Each structure stands twice: as C-alpha cells, then as structure tokens.
PDB file of all heavy atoms in Angstrom:
ATOM      1  N   ARG A   1     -22.360  -5.366  22.740  1.00  0.00           N
ATOM      2  CA  ARG A   1     -21.292  -6.077  21.983  1.00  0.00           C
ATOM      3  C   ARG A   1     -21.169  -5.632  20.521  1.00  0.00           C
ATOM      4  O   ARG A   1     -21.002  -6.432  19.654  1.00  0.00           O
ATOM      5  CB  ARG A   1     -21.476  -7.587  22.097  1.00  0.00           C
ATOM      6  CG  ARG A   1     -20.246  -8.340  21.598  1.00  0.00           C
ATOM      7  CD  ARG A   1     -20.207  -9.770  21.995  1.00  0.00           C
ATOM      8  NE  ARG A   1     -19.226 -10.537  21.267  1.00  0.00           N
ATOM      9  CZ  ARG A   1     -17.917 -10.413  21.406  1.00  0.00           C
ATOM     10  NH1 ARG A   1     -17.369  -9.552  22.255  1.00  0.00           N
ATOM     11  NH2 ARG A   1     -17.064 -11.201  20.725  1.00  0.00           N
ATOM     12  N   ARG A   2     -21.337  -4.352  20.322  1.00  0.00           N
ATOM     13  CA  ARG A   2     -21.138  -3.805  18.991  1.00  0.00           C
ATOM     14  C   ARG A   2     -19.759  -3.164  18.915  1.00  0.00           C
ATOM     15  O   ARG A   2     -19.248  -2.655  19.929  1.00  0.00           O
ATOM     16  CB  ARG A   2     -22.186  -2.722  18.744  1.00  0.00           C
ATOM     17  CG  ARG A   2     -23.565  -3.369  18.575  1.00  0.00           C
ATOM     18  CD  ARG A   2     -24.644  -2.310  18.391  1.00  0.00           C
ATOM     19  NE  ARG A   2     -24.306  -1.388  17.319  1.00  0.00           N
ATOM     20  CZ  ARG A   2     -25.104  -0.505  16.865  1.00  0.00           C
ATOM     21  NH1 ARG A   2     -26.316  -0.393  17.300  1.00  0.00           N
ATOM     22  NH2 ARG A   2     -24.723   0.278  15.880  1.00  0.00           N
ATOM     23  N   PRO A   3     -19.154  -3.150  17.738  1.00  0.00           N
ATOM     24  CA  PRO A   3     -17.832  -2.480  17.610  1.00  0.00           C
ATOM     25  C   PRO A   3     -17.903  -1.047  17.996  1.00  0.00           C
ATOM     26  O   PRO A   3     -18.869  -0.326  17.658  1.00  0.00           O
ATOM     27  CB  PRO A   3     -17.482  -2.641  16.109  1.00  0.00           C
ATOM     28  CG  PRO A   3     -18.375  -3.716  15.645  1.00  0.00           C
ATOM     29  CD  PRO A   3     -19.618  -3.722  16.477  1.00  0.00           C
ATOM     30  N   VAL A   4     -16.914  -0.559  18.674  1.00  0.00           N
ATOM     31  CA  VAL A   4     -16.830   0.864  19.064  1.00  0.00           C
ATOM     32  C   VAL A   4     -16.544   1.618  17.767  1.00  0.00           C
ATOM     33  O   VAL A   4     -17.160   2.713  17.601  1.00  0.00           O
ATOM     34  CB  VAL A   4     -15.758   1.071  20.121  1.00  0.00           C
ATOM     35  CG1 VAL A   4     -15.547   2.556  20.345  1.00  0.00           C
ATOM     36  CG2 VAL A   4     -16.119   0.351  21.435  1.00  0.00           C
ATOM     37  N   PHE A   5     -15.634   1.162  16.933  1.00  0.00           N
ATOM     38  CA  PHE A   5     -15.271   1.860  15.701  1.00  0.00           C
ATOM     39  C   PHE A   5     -15.758   1.029  14.533  1.00  0.00           C
ATOM     40  O   PHE A   5     -15.450  -0.155  14.399  1.00  0.00           O
ATOM     41  CB  PHE A   5     -13.758   2.052  15.610  1.00  0.00           C
ATOM     42  CG  PHE A   5     -13.204   2.844  16.724  1.00  0.00           C
ATOM     43  CD1 PHE A   5     -12.430   2.202  17.718  1.00  0.00           C
ATOM     44  CD2 PHE A   5     -13.407   4.191  16.837  1.00  0.00           C
ATOM     45  CE1 PHE A   5     -11.886   2.947  18.780  1.00  0.00           C
ATOM     46  CE2 PHE A   5     -12.915   4.912  17.893  1.00  0.00           C
ATOM     47  CZ  PHE A   5     -12.116   4.293  18.866  1.00  0.00           C
ATOM     48  N   ARG A   6     -16.538   1.656  13.670  1.00  0.00           N
ATOM     49  CA  ARG A   6     -17.063   0.951  12.494  1.00  0.00           C
ATOM     50  C   ARG A   6     -16.350   1.393  11.224  1.00  0.00           C
ATOM     51  O   ARG A   6     -16.511   0.759  10.142  1.00  0.00           O
ATOM     52  CB  ARG A   6     -18.557   1.192  12.359  1.00  0.00           C
ATOM     53  CG  ARG A   6     -19.318   0.575  13.495  1.00  0.00           C
ATOM     54  CD  ARG A   6     -20.773   0.605  13.288  1.00  0.00           C
ATOM     55  NE  ARG A   6     -21.421   0.320  14.565  1.00  0.00           N
ATOM     56  CZ  ARG A   6     -22.278   1.070  15.129  1.00  0.00           C
ATOM     57  NH1 ARG A   6     -22.719   2.193  14.594  1.00  0.00           N
ATOM     58  NH2 ARG A   6     -22.821   0.709  16.310  1.00  0.00           N
ATOM     59  N   THR A   7     -15.550   2.398  11.317  1.00  0.00           N
ATOM     60  CA  THR A   7     -14.800   2.946  10.169  1.00  0.00           C
ATOM     61  C   THR A   7     -13.359   3.154  10.542  1.00  0.00           C
ATOM     62  O   THR A   7     -13.072   3.738  11.645  1.00  0.00           O
ATOM     63  CB  THR A   7     -15.389   4.255   9.667  1.00  0.00           C
ATOM     64  OG1 THR A   7     -16.799   4.083   9.370  1.00  0.00           O
ATOM     65  CG2 THR A   7     -14.683   4.819   8.454  1.00  0.00           C
ATOM     66  N   PHE A   8     -12.450   2.720   9.685  1.00  0.00           N
ATOM     67  CA  PHE A   8     -11.040   2.950   9.884  1.00  0.00           C
ATOM     68  C   PHE A   8     -10.469   3.578   8.627  1.00  0.00           C
ATOM     69  O   PHE A   8     -10.769   3.065   7.544  1.00  0.00           O
ATOM     70  CB  PHE A   8     -10.304   1.632  10.165  1.00  0.00           C
ATOM     71  CG  PHE A   8     -10.569   1.040  11.502  1.00  0.00           C
ATOM     72  CD1 PHE A   8     -11.692   0.300  11.720  1.00  0.00           C
ATOM     73  CD2 PHE A   8      -9.700   1.275  12.555  1.00  0.00           C
ATOM     74  CE1 PHE A   8     -11.963  -0.232  12.998  1.00  0.00           C
ATOM     75  CE2 PHE A   8      -9.945   0.737  13.798  1.00  0.00           C
ATOM     76  CZ  PHE A   8     -11.088  -0.027  13.994  1.00  0.00           C
ATOM     77  N   ILE A   9      -9.768   4.644   8.758  1.00  0.00           N
ATOM     78  CA  ILE A   9      -9.123   5.296   7.610  1.00  0.00           C
ATOM     79  C   ILE A   9      -7.612   5.266   7.833  1.00  0.00           C
ATOM     80  O   ILE A   9      -7.164   5.818   8.837  1.00  0.00           O
ATOM     81  CB  ILE A   9      -9.594   6.717   7.442  1.00  0.00           C
ATOM     82  CG1 ILE A   9     -11.152   6.764   7.192  1.00  0.00           C
ATOM     83  CG2 ILE A   9      -8.879   7.442   6.291  1.00  0.00           C
ATOM     84  CD1 ILE A   9     -11.784   8.109   7.188  1.00  0.00           C
ATOM     85  N   LEU A  10      -6.919   4.597   6.936  1.00  0.00           N
ATOM     86  CA  LEU A  10      -5.476   4.496   7.042  1.00  0.00           C
ATOM     87  C   LEU A  10      -4.860   5.387   5.950  1.00  0.00           C
ATOM     88  O   LEU A  10      -5.027   5.127   4.731  1.00  0.00           O
ATOM     89  CB  LEU A  10      -5.000   3.051   6.809  1.00  0.00           C
ATOM     90  CG  LEU A  10      -5.627   2.013   7.771  1.00  0.00           C
ATOM     91  CD1 LEU A  10      -5.163   0.627   7.387  1.00  0.00           C
ATOM     92  CD2 LEU A  10      -5.213   2.349   9.223  1.00  0.00           C
ATOM     93  N   VAL A  11      -4.211   6.448   6.393  1.00  0.00           N
ATOM     94  CA  VAL A  11      -3.525   7.366   5.486  1.00  0.00           C
ATOM     95  C   VAL A  11      -2.053   7.117   5.629  1.00  0.00           C
ATOM     96  O   VAL A  11      -1.463   7.525   6.623  1.00  0.00           O
ATOM     97  CB  VAL A  11      -3.916   8.855   5.749  1.00  0.00           C
ATOM     98  CG1 VAL A  11      -3.238   9.772   4.785  1.00  0.00           C
ATOM     99  CG2 VAL A  11      -5.422   8.996   5.742  1.00  0.00           C
ATOM    100  N   MET A  12      -1.518   6.447   4.656  1.00  0.00           N
ATOM    101  CA  MET A  12      -0.106   6.132   4.711  1.00  0.00           C
ATOM    102  C   MET A  12       0.489   6.167   3.271  1.00  0.00           C
ATOM    103  O   MET A  12      -0.306   6.071   2.287  1.00  0.00           O
ATOM    104  CB  MET A  12       0.121   4.712   5.285  1.00  0.00           C
ATOM    105  CG  MET A  12      -0.478   4.569   6.635  1.00  0.00           C
ATOM    106  SD  MET A  12      -0.562   2.878   7.176  1.00  0.00           S
ATOM    107  CE  MET A  12       1.188   2.605   7.574  1.00  0.00           C
ATOM    108  N   ALA A  13       1.780   6.232   3.143  1.00  0.00           N
ATOM    109  CA  ALA A  13       2.429   6.271   1.838  1.00  0.00           C
ATOM    110  C   ALA A  13       2.269   4.943   1.130  1.00  0.00           C
ATOM    111  O   ALA A  13       1.968   3.893   1.761  1.00  0.00           O
ATOM    112  CB  ALA A  13       3.900   6.565   2.039  1.00  0.00           C
ATOM    113  N   ARG A  14       2.468   4.986  -0.209  1.00  0.00           N
ATOM    114  CA  ARG A  14       2.473   3.739  -0.958  1.00  0.00           C
ATOM    115  C   ARG A  14       3.520   2.780  -0.434  1.00  0.00           C
ATOM    116  O   ARG A  14       4.585   3.155  -0.043  1.00  0.00           O
ATOM    117  CB  ARG A  14       2.783   4.071  -2.399  1.00  0.00           C
ATOM    118  CG  ARG A  14       1.714   4.728  -3.228  1.00  0.00           C
ATOM    119  CD  ARG A  14       2.195   4.881  -4.640  1.00  0.00           C
ATOM    120  NE  ARG A  14       2.321   3.548  -5.213  1.00  0.00           N
ATOM    121  CZ  ARG A  14       1.978   3.211  -6.388  1.00  0.00           C
ATOM    122  NH1 ARG A  14       1.392   4.130  -7.185  1.00  0.00           N
ATOM    123  NH2 ARG A  14       2.141   1.999  -6.838  1.00  0.00           N
ATOM    124  N   GLY A  15       3.153   1.504  -0.439  1.00  0.00           N
ATOM    125  CA  GLY A  15       4.099   0.493   0.000  1.00  0.00           C
ATOM    126  C   GLY A  15       4.174   0.338   1.508  1.00  0.00           C
ATOM    127  O   GLY A  15       5.070  -0.449   1.953  1.00  0.00           O
ATOM    128  N   ALA A  16       3.375   0.967   2.297  1.00  0.00           N
ATOM    129  CA  ALA A  16       3.441   0.920   3.748  1.00  0.00           C
ATOM    130  C   ALA A  16       2.745  -0.321   4.276  1.00  0.00           C
ATOM    131  O   ALA A  16       2.871  -0.669   5.443  1.00  0.00           O
ATOM    132  CB  ALA A  16       2.876   2.178   4.401  1.00  0.00           C
ATOM    133  N   GLY A  17       1.938  -0.991   3.442  1.00  0.00           N
ATOM    134  CA  GLY A  17       1.284  -2.220   3.862  1.00  0.00           C
ATOM    135  C   GLY A  17      -0.221  -2.172   4.108  1.00  0.00           C
ATOM    136  O   GLY A  17      -0.805  -3.053   4.703  1.00  0.00           O
ATOM    137  N   LYS A  18      -0.852  -1.135   3.620  1.00  0.00           N
ATOM    138  CA  LYS A  18      -2.296  -0.964   3.808  1.00  0.00           C
ATOM    139  C   LYS A  18      -3.099  -2.122   3.157  1.00  0.00           C
ATOM    140  O   LYS A  18      -3.928  -2.717   3.788  1.00  0.00           O
ATOM    141  CB  LYS A  18      -2.781   0.362   3.204  1.00  0.00           C
ATOM    142  CG  LYS A  18      -2.242   1.578   3.895  1.00  0.00           C
ATOM    143  CD  LYS A  18      -2.744   2.863   3.227  1.00  0.00           C
ATOM    144  CE  LYS A  18      -2.347   2.978   1.798  1.00  0.00           C
ATOM    145  NZ  LYS A  18      -0.907   3.216   1.497  1.00  0.00           N
ATOM    146  N   ASN A  19      -2.761  -2.455   1.903  1.00  0.00           N
ATOM    147  CA  ASN A  19      -3.450  -3.582   1.236  1.00  0.00           C
ATOM    148  C   ASN A  19      -3.246  -4.900   1.953  1.00  0.00           C
ATOM    149  O   ASN A  19      -4.198  -5.658   2.078  1.00  0.00           O
ATOM    150  CB  ASN A  19      -3.004  -3.654  -0.226  1.00  0.00           C
ATOM    151  CG  ASN A  19      -3.957  -2.976  -1.160  1.00  0.00           C
ATOM    152  OD1 ASN A  19      -3.598  -1.867  -1.630  1.00  0.00           O
ATOM    153  ND2 ASN A  19      -5.120  -3.541  -1.451  1.00  0.00           N
ATOM    154  N   GLY A  20      -2.052  -5.163   2.348  1.00  0.00           N
ATOM    155  CA  GLY A  20      -1.789  -6.427   3.037  1.00  0.00           C
ATOM    156  C   GLY A  20      -2.536  -6.503   4.339  1.00  0.00           C
ATOM    157  O   GLY A  20      -3.106  -7.582   4.668  1.00  0.00           O
ATOM    158  N   PHE A  21      -2.601  -5.412   5.068  1.00  0.00           N
ATOM    159  CA  PHE A  21      -3.362  -5.376   6.299  1.00  0.00           C
ATOM    160  C   PHE A  21      -4.865  -5.613   6.068  1.00  0.00           C
ATOM    161  O   PHE A  21      -5.505  -6.461   6.738  1.00  0.00           O
ATOM    162  CB  PHE A  21      -3.127  -4.024   6.996  1.00  0.00           C
ATOM    163  CG  PHE A  21      -3.773  -3.868   8.346  1.00  0.00           C
ATOM    164  CD1 PHE A  21      -3.596  -4.831   9.356  1.00  0.00           C
ATOM    165  CD2 PHE A  21      -4.535  -2.745   8.639  1.00  0.00           C
ATOM    166  CE1 PHE A  21      -4.156  -4.642  10.621  1.00  0.00           C
ATOM    167  CE2 PHE A  21      -5.092  -2.556   9.894  1.00  0.00           C
ATOM    168  CZ  PHE A  21      -4.930  -3.528  10.867  1.00  0.00           C
ATOM    169  N   ILE A  22      -5.408  -4.989   5.035  1.00  0.00           N
ATOM    170  CA  ILE A  22      -6.804  -5.161   4.684  1.00  0.00           C
ATOM    171  C   ILE A  22      -7.047  -6.587   4.258  1.00  0.00           C
ATOM    172  O   ILE A  22      -8.102  -7.171   4.613  1.00  0.00           O
ATOM    173  CB  ILE A  22      -7.206  -4.157   3.571  1.00  0.00           C
ATOM    174  CG1 ILE A  22      -7.125  -2.709   4.043  1.00  0.00           C
ATOM    175  CG2 ILE A  22      -8.584  -4.446   3.032  1.00  0.00           C
ATOM    176  CD1 ILE A  22      -7.902  -2.402   5.332  1.00  0.00           C
ATOM    177  N   SER A  23      -6.144  -7.169   3.489  1.00  0.00           N
ATOM    178  CA  SER A  23      -6.308  -8.539   3.021  1.00  0.00           C
ATOM    179  C   SER A  23      -6.387  -9.503   4.226  1.00  0.00           C
ATOM    180  O   SER A  23      -7.277 -10.358   4.246  1.00  0.00           O
ATOM    181  CB  SER A  23      -5.132  -8.964   2.138  1.00  0.00           C
ATOM    182  OG  SER A  23      -5.074  -8.164   0.991  1.00  0.00           O
ATOM    183  N   THR A  24      -5.484  -9.332   5.180  1.00  0.00           N
ATOM    184  CA  THR A  24      -5.539 -10.235   6.317  1.00  0.00           C
ATOM    185  C   THR A  24      -6.796 -10.073   7.145  1.00  0.00           C
ATOM    186  O   THR A  24      -7.405 -11.061   7.607  1.00  0.00           O
ATOM    187  CB  THR A  24      -4.307 -10.051   7.248  1.00  0.00           C
ATOM    188  OG1 THR A  24      -4.296  -8.720   7.822  1.00  0.00           O
ATOM    189  CG2 THR A  24      -2.993 -10.291   6.546  1.00  0.00           C
ATOM    190  N   LEU A  25      -7.259  -8.851   7.331  1.00  0.00           N
ATOM    191  CA  LEU A  25      -8.510  -8.632   8.075  1.00  0.00           C
ATOM    192  C   LEU A  25      -9.706  -9.216   7.310  1.00  0.00           C
ATOM    193  O   LEU A  25     -10.519  -9.917   7.905  1.00  0.00           O
ATOM    194  CB  LEU A  25      -8.716  -7.116   8.329  1.00  0.00           C
ATOM    195  CG  LEU A  25      -7.972  -6.513   9.505  1.00  0.00           C
ATOM    196  CD1 LEU A  25      -8.038  -4.981   9.413  1.00  0.00           C
ATOM    197  CD2 LEU A  25      -8.450  -7.041  10.755  1.00  0.00           C
ATOM    198  N   ALA A  26      -9.792  -8.904   6.024  1.00  0.00           N
ATOM    199  CA  ALA A  26     -10.902  -9.408   5.244  1.00  0.00           C
ATOM    200  C   ALA A  26     -10.950 -10.921   5.244  1.00  0.00           C
ATOM    201  O   ALA A  26     -11.989 -11.536   5.474  1.00  0.00           O
ATOM    202  CB  ALA A  26     -10.822  -8.892   3.797  1.00  0.00           C
ATOM    203  N   HIS A  27      -9.791 -11.575   5.049  1.00  0.00           N
ATOM    204  CA  HIS A  27      -9.789 -13.013   5.050  1.00  0.00           C
ATOM    205  C   HIS A  27     -10.159 -13.565   6.448  1.00  0.00           C
ATOM    206  O   HIS A  27     -10.915 -14.528   6.546  1.00  0.00           O
ATOM    207  CB  HIS A  27      -8.390 -13.507   4.649  1.00  0.00           C
ATOM    208  CG  HIS A  27      -8.363 -14.962   4.367  1.00  0.00           C
ATOM    209  ND1 HIS A  27      -7.232 -15.604   3.898  1.00  0.00           N
ATOM    210  CD2 HIS A  27      -9.268 -15.977   4.528  1.00  0.00           C
ATOM    211  CE1 HIS A  27      -7.477 -16.879   3.736  1.00  0.00           C
ATOM    212  NE2 HIS A  27      -8.687 -17.126   4.129  1.00  0.00           N
ATOM    213  N   PHE A  28      -9.647 -12.977   7.476  1.00  0.00           N
ATOM    214  CA  PHE A  28      -9.971 -13.449   8.842  1.00  0.00           C
ATOM    215  C   PHE A  28     -11.482 -13.341   9.050  1.00  0.00           C
ATOM    216  O   PHE A  28     -12.085 -14.268   9.628  1.00  0.00           O
ATOM    217  CB  PHE A  28      -9.246 -12.638   9.900  1.00  0.00           C
ATOM    218  CG  PHE A  28      -9.570 -13.005  11.315  1.00  0.00           C
ATOM    219  CD1 PHE A  28      -9.025 -14.192  11.857  1.00  0.00           C
ATOM    220  CD2 PHE A  28     -10.450 -12.320  12.069  1.00  0.00           C
ATOM    221  CE1 PHE A  28      -9.322 -14.598  13.113  1.00  0.00           C
ATOM    222  CE2 PHE A  28     -10.817 -12.695  13.344  1.00  0.00           C
ATOM    223  CZ  PHE A  28     -10.246 -13.851  13.888  1.00  0.00           C
ATOM    224  N   PHE A  29     -12.081 -12.229   8.665  1.00  0.00           N
ATOM    225  CA  PHE A  29     -13.511 -12.057   8.892  1.00  0.00           C
ATOM    226  C   PHE A  29     -14.412 -13.105   8.162  1.00  0.00           C
ATOM    227  O   PHE A  29     -15.446 -13.434   8.650  1.00  0.00           O
ATOM    228  CB  PHE A  29     -13.973 -10.652   8.473  1.00  0.00           C
ATOM    229  CG  PHE A  29     -13.592  -9.576   9.488  1.00  0.00           C
ATOM    230  CD1 PHE A  29     -13.016  -8.393   9.032  1.00  0.00           C
ATOM    231  CD2 PHE A  29     -13.756  -9.767  10.814  1.00  0.00           C
ATOM    232  CE1 PHE A  29     -12.645  -7.419   9.942  1.00  0.00           C
ATOM    233  CE2 PHE A  29     -13.420  -8.798  11.732  1.00  0.00           C
ATOM    234  CZ  PHE A  29     -12.848  -7.616  11.287  1.00  0.00           C
ATOM    235  N   ILE A  30     -13.916 -13.581   7.029  1.00  0.00           N
ATOM    236  CA  ILE A  30     -14.754 -14.564   6.316  1.00  0.00           C
ATOM    237  C   ILE A  30     -14.339 -16.014   6.676  1.00  0.00           C
ATOM    238  O   ILE A  30     -14.927 -16.952   6.184  1.00  0.00           O
ATOM    239  CB  ILE A  30     -14.676 -14.392   4.770  1.00  0.00           C
ATOM    240  CG1 ILE A  30     -13.295 -14.548   4.215  1.00  0.00           C
ATOM    241  CG2 ILE A  30     -15.309 -13.050   4.429  1.00  0.00           C
ATOM    242  CD1 ILE A  30     -13.231 -14.551   2.689  1.00  0.00           C
ATOM    243  N   SER A  31     -13.321 -16.119   7.519  1.00  0.00           N
ATOM    244  CA  SER A  31     -12.866 -17.463   7.896  1.00  0.00           C
ATOM    245  C   SER A  31     -13.681 -17.990   9.070  1.00  0.00           C
ATOM    246  O   SER A  31     -14.360 -17.291   9.796  1.00  0.00           O
ATOM    247  CB  SER A  31     -11.389 -17.420   8.311  1.00  0.00           C
ATOM    248  OG  SER A  31     -11.233 -16.839   9.610  1.00  0.00           O
ATOM    249  N   SER A  32     -13.541 -19.302   9.298  1.00  0.00           N
ATOM    250  CA  SER A  32     -14.193 -19.957  10.457  1.00  0.00           C
ATOM    251  C   SER A  32     -13.576 -19.504  11.772  1.00  0.00           C
ATOM    252  O   SER A  32     -14.235 -19.595  12.797  1.00  0.00           O
ATOM    253  CB  SER A  32     -14.093 -21.473  10.319  1.00  0.00           C
ATOM    254  OG  SER A  32     -12.734 -21.876  10.315  1.00  0.00           O
ATOM    255  N   PHE A  33     -12.361 -18.967  11.765  1.00  0.00           N
ATOM    256  CA  PHE A  33     -11.747 -18.481  12.986  1.00  0.00           C
ATOM    257  C   PHE A  33     -12.490 -17.277  13.600  1.00  0.00           C
ATOM    258  O   PHE A  33     -12.487 -17.085  14.777  1.00  0.00           O
ATOM    259  CB  PHE A  33     -10.293 -18.070  12.684  1.00  0.00           C
ATOM    260  CG  PHE A  33      -9.449 -19.213  12.251  1.00  0.00           C
ATOM    261  CD1 PHE A  33      -9.160 -19.362  10.908  1.00  0.00           C
ATOM    262  CD2 PHE A  33      -8.939 -20.158  13.146  1.00  0.00           C
ATOM    263  CE1 PHE A  33      -8.351 -20.366  10.466  1.00  0.00           C
ATOM    264  CE2 PHE A  33      -8.153 -21.187  12.704  1.00  0.00           C
ATOM    265  CZ  PHE A  33      -7.853 -21.334  11.357  1.00  0.00           C
ATOM    266  N   HIS A  34     -13.172 -16.523  12.735  1.00  0.00           N
ATOM    267  CA  HIS A  34     -13.922 -15.377  13.206  1.00  0.00           C
ATOM    268  C   HIS A  34     -15.231 -15.788  13.892  1.00  0.00           C
ATOM    269  O   HIS A  34     -15.650 -15.138  14.785  1.00  0.00           O
ATOM    270  CB  HIS A  34     -14.209 -14.400  11.999  1.00  0.00           C
ATOM    271  CG  HIS A  34     -14.874 -13.166  12.424  1.00  0.00           C
ATOM    272  ND1 HIS A  34     -15.995 -12.674  11.763  1.00  0.00           N
ATOM    273  CD2 HIS A  34     -14.615 -12.273  13.403  1.00  0.00           C
ATOM    274  CE1 HIS A  34     -16.344 -11.512  12.328  1.00  0.00           C
ATOM    275  NE2 HIS A  34     -15.558 -11.271  13.272  1.00  0.00           N
ATOM    276  N   GLY A  35     -15.745 -16.901  13.409  1.00  0.00           N
ATOM    277  CA  GLY A  35     -16.929 -17.471  14.076  1.00  0.00           C
ATOM    278  C   GLY A  35     -18.296 -16.893  13.623  1.00  0.00           C
ATOM    279  O   GLY A  35     -19.314 -17.213  14.313  1.00  0.00           O
ATOM    280  N   ILE A  36     -18.356 -16.124  12.613  1.00  0.00           N
ATOM    281  CA  ILE A  36     -19.640 -15.607  12.138  1.00  0.00           C
ATOM    282  C   ILE A  36     -19.799 -16.132  10.706  1.00  0.00           C
ATOM    283  O   ILE A  36     -19.056 -15.741   9.805  1.00  0.00           O
ATOM    284  CB  ILE A  36     -19.725 -14.085  12.169  1.00  0.00           C
ATOM    285  CG1 ILE A  36     -19.566 -13.579  13.611  1.00  0.00           C
ATOM    286  CG2 ILE A  36     -21.031 -13.576  11.568  1.00  0.00           C
ATOM    287  CD1 ILE A  36     -19.518 -12.085  13.778  1.00  0.00           C
ATOM    288  N   ASP A  37     -20.787 -17.027  10.504  1.00  0.00           N
ATOM    289  CA  ASP A  37     -21.007 -17.598   9.199  1.00  0.00           C
ATOM    290  C   ASP A  37     -21.426 -16.541   8.172  1.00  0.00           C
ATOM    291  O   ASP A  37     -22.203 -15.623   8.546  1.00  0.00           O
ATOM    292  CB  ASP A  37     -22.085 -18.692   9.259  1.00  0.00           C
ATOM    293  CG  ASP A  37     -21.621 -19.909  10.010  1.00  0.00           C
ATOM    294  OD1 ASP A  37     -20.416 -20.128  10.124  1.00  0.00           O
ATOM    295  OD2 ASP A  37     -22.471 -20.661  10.502  1.00  0.00           O
ATOM    296  N   GLU A  38     -20.980 -16.653   6.969  1.00  0.00           N
ATOM    297  CA  GLU A  38     -21.313 -15.826   5.810  1.00  0.00           C
ATOM    298  C   GLU A  38     -21.138 -14.327   6.152  1.00  0.00           C
ATOM    299  O   GLU A  38     -21.973 -13.492   5.717  1.00  0.00           O
ATOM    300  CB  GLU A  38     -22.749 -16.083   5.416  1.00  0.00           C
ATOM    301  CG  GLU A  38     -22.900 -17.519   4.923  1.00  0.00           C
ATOM    302  CD  GLU A  38     -24.292 -17.874   4.458  1.00  0.00           C
ATOM    303  OE1 GLU A  38     -25.055 -16.960   4.082  1.00  0.00           O
ATOM    304  OE2 GLU A  38     -24.641 -19.037   4.465  1.00  0.00           O
ATOM    305  N   TYR A  39     -20.073 -14.011   6.828  1.00  0.00           N
ATOM    306  CA  TYR A  39     -19.752 -12.591   7.118  1.00  0.00           C
ATOM    307  C   TYR A  39     -19.576 -11.848   5.835  1.00  0.00           C
ATOM    308  O   TYR A  39     -18.897 -12.342   4.928  1.00  0.00           O
ATOM    309  CB  TYR A  39     -18.531 -12.549   8.033  1.00  0.00           C
ATOM    310  CG  TYR A  39     -18.272 -11.209   8.717  1.00  0.00           C
ATOM    311  CD1 TYR A  39     -18.935 -10.964   9.937  1.00  0.00           C
ATOM    312  CD2 TYR A  39     -17.465 -10.240   8.203  1.00  0.00           C
ATOM    313  CE1 TYR A  39     -18.770  -9.737  10.597  1.00  0.00           C
ATOM    314  CE2 TYR A  39     -17.324  -9.015   8.840  1.00  0.00           C
ATOM    315  CZ  TYR A  39     -17.938  -8.804  10.031  1.00  0.00           C
ATOM    316  OH  TYR A  39     -17.770  -7.594  10.668  1.00  0.00           O
ATOM    317  N   ASP A  40     -20.079 -10.647   5.747  1.00  0.00           N
ATOM    318  CA  ASP A  40     -20.023  -9.853   4.510  1.00  0.00           C
ATOM    319  C   ASP A  40     -18.878  -8.903   4.574  1.00  0.00           C
ATOM    320  O   ASP A  40     -18.779  -8.124   5.518  1.00  0.00           O
ATOM    321  CB  ASP A  40     -21.326  -9.137   4.301  1.00  0.00           C
ATOM    322  CG  ASP A  40     -21.437  -8.456   2.982  1.00  0.00           C
ATOM    323  OD1 ASP A  40     -20.792  -8.944   2.013  1.00  0.00           O
ATOM    324  OD2 ASP A  40     -22.131  -7.454   2.878  1.00  0.00           O
TER     325      ASP A  40
END
C-alpha cells in the first residue's frame, strides 16, 4: 500500500494552474479527509 509514484513533475506554461493544483493537493493531504494525522 505504498504509492506507485512518489514524484510528479508538471512542466506547463505560466498560468496553466500548477500552483492551484498543488495547493488543493497539499491542503487535502493535511486535512481530516485524507485520514492521516499530522501528514507532512
């Protein structure tokens, strides 16, 4: 039950939404919805 991919590299133009995508993932990982307390 380990992630298959531990690294993701998004190569896209400015304004394509990379930061927004990262923000949603980061917030989800530290939220109670993810289910892992004190996720780093």
